[in-house]
Amino acid sequence: KSFVIQYRTPEGKPKRAVIGRYGLMTVEEARRLAHEKLVAV
């Protein structure tokens, strides 16, 4: 099980990326990291 984010790149292309593995990262840690990256989007 891995945490992922899904978004569109600046070119408009859909993209999905793994940001961490469950077990090595908690749900709340992953949520904070995902929020940071989606703000960048």
PDB file of all heavy atoms in Angstrom:
ATOM      1  N   LYS A   1       0.850  -1.196   0.000  1.00  0.00           N
ATOM      2  CA  LYS A   1       0.000   0.000   0.000  1.00  0.00           C
ATOM      3  C   LYS A   1       0.882   1.241   0.000  1.00  0.00           C
ATOM      4  O   LYS A   1       1.804   1.346   0.820  1.00  0.00           O
ATOM      5  CB  LYS A   1      -0.932   0.011   1.217  1.00  0.00           C
ATOM      6  CG  LYS A   1      -1.899  -1.170   1.243  1.00  0.00           C
ATOM      7  CD  LYS A   1      -2.703  -1.212   2.534  1.00  0.00           C
ATOM      8  CE  LYS A   1      -3.616  -2.442   2.575  1.00  0.00           C
ATOM      9  NZ  LYS A   1      -4.391  -2.533   3.831  1.00  0.00           N
ATOM     10  N   SER A   2       0.590   2.157  -0.913  1.00  0.00           N
ATOM     11  CA  SER A   2       1.382   3.381  -1.035  1.00  0.00           C
ATOM     12  C   SER A   2       0.460   4.582  -1.132  1.00  0.00           C
ATOM     13  O   SER A   2      -0.636   4.504  -1.704  1.00  0.00           O
ATOM     14  CB  SER A   2       2.280   3.329  -2.274  1.00  0.00           C
ATOM     15  OG  SER A   2       3.170   2.233  -2.223  1.00  0.00           O
ATOM     16  N   PHE A   3       0.919   5.703  -0.597  1.00  0.00           N
ATOM     17  CA  PHE A   3       0.174   6.950  -0.725  1.00  0.00           C
ATOM     18  C   PHE A   3       0.507   7.591  -2.067  1.00  0.00           C
ATOM     19  O   PHE A   3       1.663   7.582  -2.513  1.00  0.00           O
ATOM     20  CB  PHE A   3       0.529   7.905   0.407  1.00  0.00           C
ATOM     21  CG  PHE A   3       0.156   7.389   1.763  1.00  0.00           C
ATOM     22  CD1 PHE A   3       1.129   6.943   2.640  1.00  0.00           C
ATOM     23  CD2 PHE A   3      -1.178   7.345   2.159  1.00  0.00           C
ATOM     24  CE1 PHE A   3       0.784   6.467   3.887  1.00  0.00           C
ATOM     25  CE2 PHE A   3      -1.536   6.865   3.405  1.00  0.00           C
ATOM     26  CZ  PHE A   3      -0.548   6.424   4.278  1.00  0.00           C
ATOM     27  N   VAL A   4      -0.510   8.146  -2.719  1.00  0.00           N
ATOM     28  CA  VAL A   4      -0.320   8.746  -4.036  1.00  0.00           C
ATOM     29  C   VAL A   4      -1.021  10.106  -4.090  1.00  0.00           C
ATOM     30  O   VAL A   4      -1.906  10.406  -3.290  1.00  0.00           O
ATOM     31  CB  VAL A   4      -0.881   7.838  -5.159  1.00  0.00           C
ATOM     32  CG1 VAL A   4      -0.141   6.516  -5.213  1.00  0.00           C
ATOM     33  CG2 VAL A   4      -2.383   7.609  -4.985  1.00  0.00           C
ATOM     34  N   ILE A   5      -0.571  10.910  -5.047  1.00  0.00           N
ATOM     35  CA  ILE A   5      -1.305  12.118  -5.399  1.00  0.00           C
ATOM     36  C   ILE A   5      -1.606  12.047  -6.888  1.00  0.00           C
ATOM     37  O   ILE A   5      -0.862  11.445  -7.665  1.00  0.00           O
ATOM     38  CB  ILE A   5      -0.523  13.417  -5.072  1.00  0.00           C
ATOM     39  CG1 ILE A   5       0.849  13.424  -5.745  1.00  0.00           C
ATOM     40  CG2 ILE A   5      -0.426  13.605  -3.576  1.00  0.00           C
ATOM     41  CD1 ILE A   5       1.569  14.755  -5.631  1.00  0.00           C
ATOM     42  N   GLN A   6      -2.709  12.640  -7.265  1.00  0.00           N
ATOM     43  CA  GLN A   6      -3.123  12.682  -8.669  1.00  0.00           C
ATOM     44  C   GLN A   6      -3.462  14.127  -9.024  1.00  0.00           C
ATOM     45  O   GLN A   6      -4.180  14.806  -8.283  1.00  0.00           O
ATOM     46  CB  GLN A   6      -4.330  11.780  -8.886  1.00  0.00           C
ATOM     47  CG  GLN A   6      -4.766  11.663 -10.340  1.00  0.00           C
ATOM     48  CD  GLN A   6      -5.747  10.514 -10.534  1.00  0.00           C
ATOM     49  OE1 GLN A   6      -5.362   9.360 -10.568  1.00  0.00           O
ATOM     50  NE2 GLN A   6      -7.020  10.848 -10.632  1.00  0.00           N
ATOM     51  N   TYR A   7      -2.920  14.611 -10.143  1.00  0.00           N
ATOM     52  CA  TYR A   7      -3.075  16.020 -10.491  1.00  0.00           C
ATOM     53  C   TYR A   7      -2.797  16.190 -11.981  1.00  0.00           C
ATOM     54  O   TYR A   7      -2.493  15.219 -12.689  1.00  0.00           O
ATOM     55  CB  TYR A   7      -2.103  16.878  -9.674  1.00  0.00           C
ATOM     56  CG  TYR A   7      -0.645  16.503  -9.860  1.00  0.00           C
ATOM     57  CD1 TYR A   7       0.165  17.201 -10.746  1.00  0.00           C
ATOM     58  CD2 TYR A   7      -0.079  15.441  -9.155  1.00  0.00           C
ATOM     59  CE1 TYR A   7       1.496  16.857 -10.923  1.00  0.00           C
ATOM     60  CE2 TYR A   7       1.240  15.095  -9.328  1.00  0.00           C
ATOM     61  CZ  TYR A   7       2.036  15.802 -10.217  1.00  0.00           C
ATOM     62  OH  TYR A   7       3.344  15.452 -10.401  1.00  0.00           O
ATOM     63  N   ARG A   8      -2.901  17.430 -12.444  1.00  0.00           N
ATOM     64  CA  ARG A   8      -2.525  17.751 -13.815  1.00  0.00           C
ATOM     65  C   ARG A   8      -1.260  18.591 -13.806  1.00  0.00           C
ATOM     66  O   ARG A   8      -1.117  19.509 -13.009  1.00  0.00           O
ATOM     67  CB  ARG A   8      -3.656  18.497 -14.539  1.00  0.00           C
ATOM     68  CG  ARG A   8      -4.834  17.603 -14.882  1.00  0.00           C
ATOM     69  CD  ARG A   8      -5.840  18.281 -15.791  1.00  0.00           C
ATOM     70  NE  ARG A   8      -6.915  17.373 -16.156  1.00  0.00           N
ATOM     71  CZ  ARG A   8      -6.876  16.526 -17.178  1.00  0.00           C
ATOM     72  NH1 ARG A   8      -5.799  16.501 -17.956  1.00  0.00           N
ATOM     73  NH2 ARG A   8      -7.880  15.738 -17.447  1.00  0.00           N
ATOM     74  N   THR A   9      -0.334  18.272 -14.694  1.00  0.00           N
ATOM     75  CA  THR A   9       0.910  19.013 -14.801  1.00  0.00           C
ATOM     76  C   THR A   9       0.632  20.393 -15.390  1.00  0.00           C
ATOM     77  O   THR A   9      -0.462  20.650 -15.902  1.00  0.00           O
ATOM     78  CB  THR A   9       1.897  18.276 -15.717  1.00  0.00           C
ATOM     79  OG1 THR A   9       1.383  18.286 -17.065  1.00  0.00           O
ATOM     80  CG2 THR A   9       2.090  16.834 -15.260  1.00  0.00           C
ATOM     81  N   PRO A  10       1.614  21.309 -15.352  1.00  0.00           N
ATOM     82  CA  PRO A  10       1.415  22.619 -15.979  1.00  0.00           C
ATOM     83  C   PRO A  10       1.081  22.536 -17.464  1.00  0.00           C
ATOM     84  O   PRO A  10       0.488  23.461 -18.009  1.00  0.00           O
ATOM     85  CB  PRO A  10       2.766  23.312 -15.754  1.00  0.00           C
ATOM     86  CG  PRO A  10       3.299  22.689 -14.513  1.00  0.00           C
ATOM     87  CD  PRO A  10       2.881  21.245 -14.596  1.00  0.00           C
ATOM     88  N   GLU A  11       1.438  21.411 -18.108  1.00  0.00           N
ATOM     89  CA  GLU A  11       1.096  21.220 -19.516  1.00  0.00           C
ATOM     90  C   GLU A  11      -0.307  20.674 -19.694  1.00  0.00           C
ATOM     91  O   GLU A  11      -0.763  20.481 -20.819  1.00  0.00           O
ATOM     92  CB  GLU A  11       2.094  20.264 -20.185  1.00  0.00           C
ATOM     93  CG  GLU A  11       3.521  20.777 -20.221  1.00  0.00           C
ATOM     94  CD  GLU A  11       4.229  20.630 -18.876  1.00  0.00           C
ATOM     95  OE1 GLU A  11       3.933  19.674 -18.141  1.00  0.00           O
ATOM     96  OE2 GLU A  11       5.060  21.504 -18.563  1.00  0.00           O
ATOM     97  N   GLY A  12      -1.006  20.399 -18.579  1.00  0.00           N
ATOM     98  CA  GLY A  12      -2.380  19.900 -18.662  1.00  0.00           C
ATOM     99  C   GLY A  12      -2.504  18.392 -18.731  1.00  0.00           C
ATOM    100  O   GLY A  12      -3.599  17.864 -18.945  1.00  0.00           O
ATOM    101  N   LYS A  13      -1.400  17.669 -18.537  1.00  0.00           N
ATOM    102  CA  LYS A  13      -1.439  16.210 -18.631  1.00  0.00           C
ATOM    103  C   LYS A  13      -1.738  15.597 -17.261  1.00  0.00           C
ATOM    104  O   LYS A  13      -1.168  16.016 -16.249  1.00  0.00           O
ATOM    105  CB  LYS A  13      -0.097  15.679 -19.145  1.00  0.00           C
ATOM    106  CG  LYS A  13       0.251  16.137 -20.544  1.00  0.00           C
ATOM    107  CD  LYS A  13       1.593  15.587 -20.973  1.00  0.00           C
ATOM    108  CE  LYS A  13       1.948  16.052 -22.383  1.00  0.00           C
ATOM    109  NZ  LYS A  13       3.278  15.537 -22.804  1.00  0.00           N
ATOM    110  N   PRO A  14      -2.632  14.591 -17.199  1.00  0.00           N
ATOM    111  CA  PRO A  14      -2.903  13.937 -15.918  1.00  0.00           C
ATOM    112  C   PRO A  14      -1.682  13.166 -15.441  1.00  0.00           C
ATOM    113  O   PRO A  14      -0.967  12.552 -16.242  1.00  0.00           O
ATOM    114  CB  PRO A  14      -4.077  13.002 -16.239  1.00  0.00           C
ATOM    115  CG  PRO A  14      -4.001  12.770 -17.711  1.00  0.00           C
ATOM    116  CD  PRO A  14      -3.439  14.023 -18.299  1.00  0.00           C
ATOM    117  N   LYS A  15      -1.424  13.199 -14.141  1.00  0.00           N
ATOM    118  CA  LYS A  15      -0.249  12.516 -13.594  1.00  0.00           C
ATOM    119  C   LYS A  15      -0.580  11.962 -12.227  1.00  0.00           C
ATOM    120  O   LYS A  15      -1.287  12.588 -11.442  1.00  0.00           O
ATOM    121  CB  LYS A  15       0.923  13.504 -13.494  1.00  0.00           C
ATOM    122  CG  LYS A  15       2.253  12.869 -13.075  1.00  0.00           C
ATOM    123  CD  LYS A  15       3.374  13.886 -13.209  1.00  0.00           C
ATOM    124  CE  LYS A  15       4.727  13.287 -12.866  1.00  0.00           C
ATOM    125  NZ  LYS A  15       5.834  14.271 -13.078  1.00  0.00           N
ATOM    126  N   ARG A  16      -0.082  10.767 -11.951  1.00  0.00           N
ATOM    127  CA  ARG A  16      -0.257  10.130 -10.648  1.00  0.00           C
ATOM    128  C   ARG A  16       1.119   9.736 -10.148  1.00  0.00           C
ATOM    129  O   ARG A  16       1.917   9.179 -10.897  1.00  0.00           O
ATOM    130  CB  ARG A  16      -1.158   8.909 -10.772  1.00  0.00           C
ATOM    131  CG  ARG A  16      -1.471   8.217  -9.443  1.00  0.00           C
ATOM    132  CD  ARG A  16      -2.275   6.959  -9.687  1.00  0.00           C
ATOM    133  NE  ARG A  16      -3.564   7.264 -10.274  1.00  0.00           N
ATOM    134  CZ  ARG A  16      -4.205   6.472 -11.134  1.00  0.00           C
ATOM    135  NH1 ARG A  16      -3.654   5.331 -11.539  1.00  0.00           N
ATOM    136  NH2 ARG A  16      -5.377   6.823 -11.616  1.00  0.00           N
ATOM    137  N   ALA A  17       1.408  10.014  -8.878  1.00  0.00           N
ATOM    138  CA  ALA A  17       2.744   9.745  -8.357  1.00  0.00           C
ATOM    139  C   ALA A  17       2.670   9.241  -6.929  1.00  0.00           C
ATOM    140  O   ALA A  17       1.840   9.689  -6.137  1.00  0.00           O
ATOM    141  CB  ALA A  17       3.597  11.010  -8.416  1.00  0.00           C
ATOM    142  N   VAL A  18       3.551   8.303  -6.600  1.00  0.00           N
ATOM    143  CA  VAL A  18       3.656   7.771  -5.242  1.00  0.00           C
ATOM    144  C   VAL A  18       4.467   8.752  -4.405  1.00  0.00           C
ATOM    145  O   VAL A  18       5.531   9.219  -4.824  1.00  0.00           O
ATOM    146  CB  VAL A  18       4.343   6.395  -5.251  1.00  0.00           C
ATOM    147  CG1 VAL A  18       4.607   5.921  -3.822  1.00  0.00           C
ATOM    148  CG2 VAL A  18       3.480   5.372  -5.983  1.00  0.00           C
ATOM    149  N   ILE A  19       3.978   9.065  -3.200  1.00  0.00           N
ATOM    150  CA  ILE A  19       4.700   9.992  -2.322  1.00  0.00           C
ATOM    151  C   ILE A  19       5.212   9.306  -1.060  1.00  0.00           C
ATOM    152  O   ILE A  19       5.942   9.928  -0.281  1.00  0.00           O
ATOM    153  CB  ILE A  19       3.814  11.193  -1.929  1.00  0.00           C
ATOM    154  CG1 ILE A  19       2.561  10.739  -1.184  1.00  0.00           C
ATOM    155  CG2 ILE A  19       3.457  12.019  -3.158  1.00  0.00           C
ATOM    156  CD1 ILE A  19       1.768  11.906  -0.591  1.00  0.00           C
ATOM    157  N   GLY A  20       4.857   8.050  -0.856  1.00  0.00           N
ATOM    158  CA  GLY A  20       5.356   7.343   0.317  1.00  0.00           C
ATOM    159  C   GLY A  20       4.682   5.999   0.487  1.00  0.00           C
ATOM    160  O   GLY A  20       3.601   5.751  -0.062  1.00  0.00           O
ATOM    161  N   ARG A  21       5.322   5.110   1.227  1.00  0.00           N
ATOM    162  CA  ARG A  21       4.772   3.770   1.465  1.00  0.00           C
ATOM    163  C   ARG A  21       4.096   3.706   2.818  1.00  0.00           C
ATOM    164  O   ARG A  21       4.642   4.178   3.828  1.00  0.00           O
ATOM    165  CB  ARG A  21       5.886   2.719   1.393  1.00  0.00           C
ATOM    166  CG  ARG A  21       5.391   1.275   1.540  1.00  0.00           C
ATOM    167  CD  ARG A  21       6.547   0.311   1.468  1.00  0.00           C
ATOM    168  NE  ARG A  21       7.224   0.377   0.179  1.00  0.00           N
ATOM    169  CZ  ARG A  21       8.289  -0.359  -0.138  1.00  0.00           C
ATOM    170  NH1 ARG A  21       8.793  -1.212   0.750  1.00  0.00           N
ATOM    171  NH2 ARG A  21       8.836  -0.244  -1.323  1.00  0.00           N
ATOM    172  N   TYR A  22       2.898   3.141   2.821  1.00  0.00           N
ATOM    173  CA  TYR A  22       2.171   2.974   4.079  1.00  0.00           C
ATOM    174  C   TYR A  22       2.937   1.999   4.965  1.00  0.00           C
ATOM    175  O   TYR A  22       3.368   0.936   4.515  1.00  0.00           O
ATOM    176  CB  TYR A  22       0.764   2.446   3.810  1.00  0.00           C
ATOM    177  CG  TYR A  22      -0.060   2.261   5.068  1.00  0.00           C
ATOM    178  CD1 TYR A  22      -0.256   3.312   5.944  1.00  0.00           C
ATOM    179  CD2 TYR A  22      -0.625   1.026   5.376  1.00  0.00           C
ATOM    180  CE1 TYR A  22      -1.005   3.158   7.100  1.00  0.00           C
ATOM    181  CE2 TYR A  22      -1.394   0.854   6.523  1.00  0.00           C
ATOM    182  CZ  TYR A  22      -1.569   1.926   7.379  1.00  0.00           C
ATOM    183  OH  TYR A  22      -2.320   1.771   8.535  1.00  0.00           O
ATOM    184  N   GLY A  23       3.094   2.355   6.216  1.00  0.00           N
ATOM    185  CA  GLY A  23       3.897   1.560   7.141  1.00  0.00           C
ATOM    186  C   GLY A  23       5.177   2.288   7.476  1.00  0.00           C
ATOM    187  O   GLY A  23       5.603   2.319   8.637  1.00  0.00           O
ATOM    188  N   LEU A  24       5.795   2.883   6.437  1.00  0.00           N
ATOM    189  CA  LEU A  24       6.952   3.737   6.662  1.00  0.00           C
ATOM    190  C   LEU A  24       6.506   5.177   6.893  1.00  0.00           C
ATOM    191  O   LEU A  24       7.251   5.986   7.435  1.00  0.00           O
ATOM    192  CB  LEU A  24       7.905   3.676   5.465  1.00  0.00           C
ATOM    193  CG  LEU A  24       8.483   2.297   5.137  1.00  0.00           C
ATOM    194  CD1 LEU A  24       9.378   2.375   3.915  1.00  0.00           C
ATOM    195  CD2 LEU A  24       9.263   1.752   6.332  1.00  0.00           C
ATOM    196  N   MET A  25       5.302   5.488   6.458  1.00  0.00           N
ATOM    197  CA  MET A  25       4.717   6.820   6.609  1.00  0.00           C
ATOM    198  C   MET A  25       3.303   6.660   7.141  1.00  0.00           C
ATOM    199  O   MET A  25       2.558   5.797   6.675  1.00  0.00           O
ATOM    200  CB  MET A  25       4.709   7.535   5.255  1.00  0.00           C
ATOM    201  CG  MET A  25       4.063   8.912   5.250  1.00  0.00           C
ATOM    202  SD  MET A  25       4.056   9.642   3.582  1.00  0.00           S
ATOM    203  CE  MET A  25       5.783  10.069   3.402  1.00  0.00           C
ATOM    204  N   THR A  26       2.917   7.465   8.097  1.00  0.00           N
ATOM    205  CA  THR A  26       1.557   7.404   8.627  1.00  0.00           C
ATOM    206  C   THR A  26       0.595   8.123   7.695  1.00  0.00           C
ATOM    207  O   THR A  26       1.014   8.884   6.810  1.00  0.00           O
ATOM    208  CB  THR A  26       1.472   8.040  10.020  1.00  0.00           C
ATOM    209  OG1 THR A  26       1.683   9.460   9.897  1.00  0.00           O
ATOM    210  CG2 THR A  26       2.500   7.445  10.963  1.00  0.00           C
ATOM    211  N   VAL A  27      -0.687   7.907   7.913  1.00  0.00           N
ATOM    212  CA  VAL A  27      -1.695   8.576   7.097  1.00  0.00           C
ATOM    213  C   VAL A  27      -1.596  10.088   7.246  1.00  0.00           C
ATOM    214  O   VAL A  27      -1.666  10.833   6.262  1.00  0.00           O
ATOM    215  CB  VAL A  27      -3.113   8.096   7.471  1.00  0.00           C
ATOM    216  CG1 VAL A  27      -4.165   8.877   6.693  1.00  0.00           C
ATOM    217  CG2 VAL A  27      -3.256   6.597   7.194  1.00  0.00           C
ATOM    218  N   GLU A  28      -1.416  10.564   8.466  1.00  0.00           N
ATOM    219  CA  GLU A  28      -1.374  12.011   8.689  1.00  0.00           C
ATOM    220  C   GLU A  28      -0.105  12.623   8.110  1.00  0.00           C
ATOM    221  O   GLU A  28      -0.135  13.748   7.601  1.00  0.00           O
ATOM    222  CB  GLU A  28      -1.502  12.328  10.185  1.00  0.00           C
ATOM    223  CG  GLU A  28      -2.893  12.074  10.734  1.00  0.00           C
ATOM    224  CD  GLU A  28      -3.976  12.716   9.873  1.00  0.00           C
ATOM    225  OE1 GLU A  28      -3.864  13.923   9.578  1.00  0.00           O
ATOM    226  OE2 GLU A  28      -4.932  12.017   9.491  1.00  0.00           O
ATOM    227  N   GLU A  29       1.015  11.915   8.179  1.00  0.00           N
ATOM    228  CA  GLU A  29       2.241  12.402   7.545  1.00  0.00           C
ATOM    229  C   GLU A  29       2.042  12.504   6.032  1.00  0.00           C
ATOM    230  O   GLU A  29       2.454  13.487   5.398  1.00  0.00           O
ATOM    231  CB  GLU A  29       3.409  11.470   7.860  1.00  0.00           C
ATOM    232  CG  GLU A  29       3.901  11.561   9.298  1.00  0.00           C
ATOM    233  CD  GLU A  29       4.919  10.487   9.636  1.00  0.00           C
ATOM    234  OE1 GLU A  29       4.976   9.456   8.913  1.00  0.00           O
ATOM    235  OE2 GLU A  29       5.649  10.662  10.625  1.00  0.00           O
ATOM    236  N   ALA A  30       1.399  11.494   5.473  1.00  0.00           N
ATOM    237  CA  ALA A  30       1.146  11.500   4.029  1.00  0.00           C
ATOM    238  C   ALA A  30       0.172  12.607   3.645  1.00  0.00           C
ATOM    239  O   ALA A  30       0.331  13.254   2.610  1.00  0.00           O
ATOM    240  CB  ALA A  30       0.586  10.144   3.595  1.00  0.00           C
ATOM    241  N   ARG A  31      -0.826  12.857   4.490  1.00  0.00           N
ATOM    242  CA  ARG A  31      -1.805  13.910   4.203  1.00  0.00           C
ATOM    243  C   ARG A  31      -1.114  15.288   4.173  1.00  0.00           C
ATOM    244  O   ARG A  31      -1.378  16.093   3.281  1.00  0.00           O
ATOM    245  CB  ARG A  31      -2.923  13.904   5.252  1.00  0.00           C
ATOM    246  CG  ARG A  31      -4.037  14.917   4.970  1.00  0.00           C
ATOM    247  CD  ARG A  31      -5.044  14.927   6.115  1.00  0.00           C
ATOM    248  NE  ARG A  31      -5.645  13.622   6.283  1.00  0.00           N
ATOM    249  CZ  ARG A  31      -6.655  13.174   5.546  1.00  0.00           C
ATOM    250  NH1 ARG A  31      -7.188  13.953   4.605  1.00  0.00           N
ATOM    251  NH2 ARG A  31      -7.152  11.973   5.763  1.00  0.00           N
ATOM    252  N   ARG A  32      -0.216  15.513   5.131  1.00  0.00           N
ATOM    253  CA  ARG A  32       0.496  16.798   5.159  1.00  0.00           C
ATOM    254  C   ARG A  32       1.383  16.962   3.919  1.00  0.00           C
ATOM    255  O   ARG A  32       1.426  18.043   3.316  1.00  0.00           O
ATOM    256  CB  ARG A  32       1.339  16.911   6.430  1.00  0.00           C
ATOM    257  CG  ARG A  32       0.522  17.162   7.687  1.00  0.00           C
ATOM    258  CD  ARG A  32       1.400  17.568   8.852  1.00  0.00           C
ATOM    259  NE  ARG A  32       2.282  16.478   9.277  1.00  0.00           N
ATOM    260  CZ  ARG A  32       1.951  15.584  10.207  1.00  0.00           C
ATOM    261  NH1 ARG A  32       0.759  15.643  10.803  1.00  0.00           N
ATOM    262  NH2 ARG A  32       2.806  14.642  10.550  1.00  0.00           N
ATOM    263  N   LEU A  33       2.085  15.899   3.546  1.00  0.00           N
ATOM    264  CA  LEU A  33       2.945  15.968   2.367  1.00  0.00           C
ATOM    265  C   LEU A  33       2.121  16.149   1.096  1.00  0.00           C
ATOM    266  O   LEU A  33       2.482  16.938   0.207  1.00  0.00           O
ATOM    267  CB  LEU A  33       3.792  14.697   2.269  1.00  0.00           C
ATOM    268  CG  LEU A  33       4.747  14.619   1.075  1.00  0.00           C
ATOM    269  CD1 LEU A  33       5.731  15.786   1.082  1.00  0.00           C
ATOM    270  CD2 LEU A  33       5.496  13.278   1.084  1.00  0.00           C
ATOM    271  N   ALA A  34       1.000  15.432   1.002  1.00  0.00           N
ATOM    272  CA  ALA A  34       0.130  15.553  -0.164  1.00  0.00           C
ATOM    273  C   ALA A  34      -0.418  16.967  -0.276  1.00  0.00           C
ATOM    274  O   ALA A  34      -0.476  17.544  -1.375  1.00  0.00           O
ATOM    275  CB  ALA A  34      -1.015  14.543  -0.078  1.00  0.00           C
ATOM    276  N   HIS A  35      -0.826  17.542   0.855  1.00  0.00           N
ATOM    277  CA  HIS A  35      -1.349  18.910   0.843  1.00  0.00           C
ATOM    278  C   HIS A  35      -0.282  19.881   0.331  1.00  0.00           C
ATOM    279  O   HIS A  35      -0.562  20.759  -0.498  1.00  0.00           O
ATOM    280  CB  HIS A  35      -1.795  19.308   2.250  1.00  0.00           C
ATOM    281  CG  HIS A  35      -2.334  20.697   2.334  1.00  0.00           C
ATOM    282  ND1 HIS A  35      -1.551  21.779   2.675  1.00  0.00           N
ATOM    283  CD2 HIS A  35      -3.585  21.198   2.098  1.00  0.00           C
ATOM    284  CE1 HIS A  35      -2.275  22.880   2.647  1.00  0.00           C
ATOM    285  NE2 HIS A  35      -3.512  22.553   2.305  1.00  0.00           N
ATOM    286  N   GLU A  36       0.948  19.719   0.799  1.00  0.00           N
ATOM    287  CA  GLU A  36       2.050  20.581   0.374  1.00  0.00           C
ATOM    288  C   GLU A  36       2.258  20.497  -1.139  1.00  0.00           C
ATOM    289  O   GLU A  36       2.420  21.508  -1.821  1.00  0.00           O
ATOM    290  CB  GLU A  36       3.323  20.158   1.110  1.00  0.00           C
ATOM    291  CG  GLU A  36       4.573  20.909   0.695  1.00  0.00           C
ATOM    292  CD  GLU A  36       5.797  20.366   1.393  1.00  0.00           C
ATOM    293  OE1 GLU A  36       5.718  20.073   2.609  1.00  0.00           O
ATOM    294  OE2 GLU A  36       6.842  20.223   0.734  1.00  0.00           O
ATOM    295  N   LYS A  37       2.248  19.279  -1.670  1.00  0.00           N
ATOM    296  CA  LYS A  37       2.496  19.086  -3.098  1.00  0.00           C
ATOM    297  C   LYS A  37       1.311  19.556  -3.945  1.00  0.00           C
ATOM    298  O   LYS A  37       1.496  20.116  -5.032  1.00  0.00           O
ATOM    299  CB  LYS A  37       2.827  17.615  -3.379  1.00  0.00           C
ATOM    300  CG  LYS A  37       4.168  17.199  -2.786  1.00  0.00           C
ATOM    301  CD  LYS A  37       4.547  15.794  -3.167  1.00  0.00           C
ATOM    302  CE  LYS A  37       5.921  15.422  -2.598  1.00  0.00           C
ATOM    303  NZ  LYS A  37       7.005  16.279  -3.137  1.00  0.00           N
ATOM    304  N   LEU A  38       0.101  19.373  -3.468  1.00  0.00           N
ATOM    305  CA  LEU A  38      -1.067  19.811  -4.222  1.00  0.00           C
ATOM    306  C   LEU A  38      -1.204  21.330  -4.206  1.00  0.00           C
ATOM    307  O   LEU A  38      -1.736  21.919  -5.152  1.00  0.00           O
ATOM    308  CB  LEU A  38      -2.323  19.133  -3.677  1.00  0.00           C
ATOM    309  CG  LEU A  38      -2.373  17.615  -3.925  1.00  0.00           C
ATOM    310  CD1 LEU A  38      -3.522  16.971  -3.143  1.00  0.00           C
ATOM    311  CD2 LEU A  38      -2.508  17.301  -5.416  1.00  0.00           C
ATOM    312  N   VAL A  39      -0.718  21.970  -3.156  1.00  0.00           N
ATOM    313  CA  VAL A  39      -0.659  23.436  -3.149  1.00  0.00           C
ATOM    314  C   VAL A  39       0.299  23.906  -4.242  1.00  0.00           C
ATOM    315  O   VAL A  39       0.021  24.883  -4.946  1.00  0.00           O
ATOM    316  CB  VAL A  39      -0.217  23.965  -1.768  1.00  0.00           C
ATOM    317  CG1 VAL A  39       0.172  25.442  -1.848  1.00  0.00           C
ATOM    318  CG2 VAL A  39      -1.341  23.787  -0.753  1.00  0.00           C
ATOM    319  N   ALA A  40       1.426  23.213  -4.398  1.00  0.00           N
ATOM    320  CA  ALA A  40       2.367  23.553  -5.463  1.00  0.00           C
ATOM    321  C   ALA A  40       1.714  23.420  -6.832  1.00  0.00           C
ATOM    322  O   ALA A  40       1.951  24.236  -7.733  1.00  0.00           O
ATOM    323  CB  ALA A  40       3.606  22.655  -5.374  1.00  0.00           C
ATOM    324  N   VAL A  41       0.872  22.403  -7.003  1.00  0.00           N
ATOM    325  CA  VAL A  41       0.144  22.228  -8.264  1.00  0.00           C
ATOM    326  C   VAL A  41      -0.720  23.448  -8.543  1.00  0.00           C
ATOM    327  O   VAL A  41      -0.781  23.951  -9.673  1.00  0.00           O
ATOM    328  CB  VAL A  41      -0.722  20.952  -8.230  1.00  0.00           C
ATOM    329  CG1 VAL A  41      -1.642  20.888  -9.447  1.00  0.00           C
ATOM    330  CG2 VAL A  41       0.161  19.713  -8.175  1.00  0.00           C
TER     331      VAL A  41
END
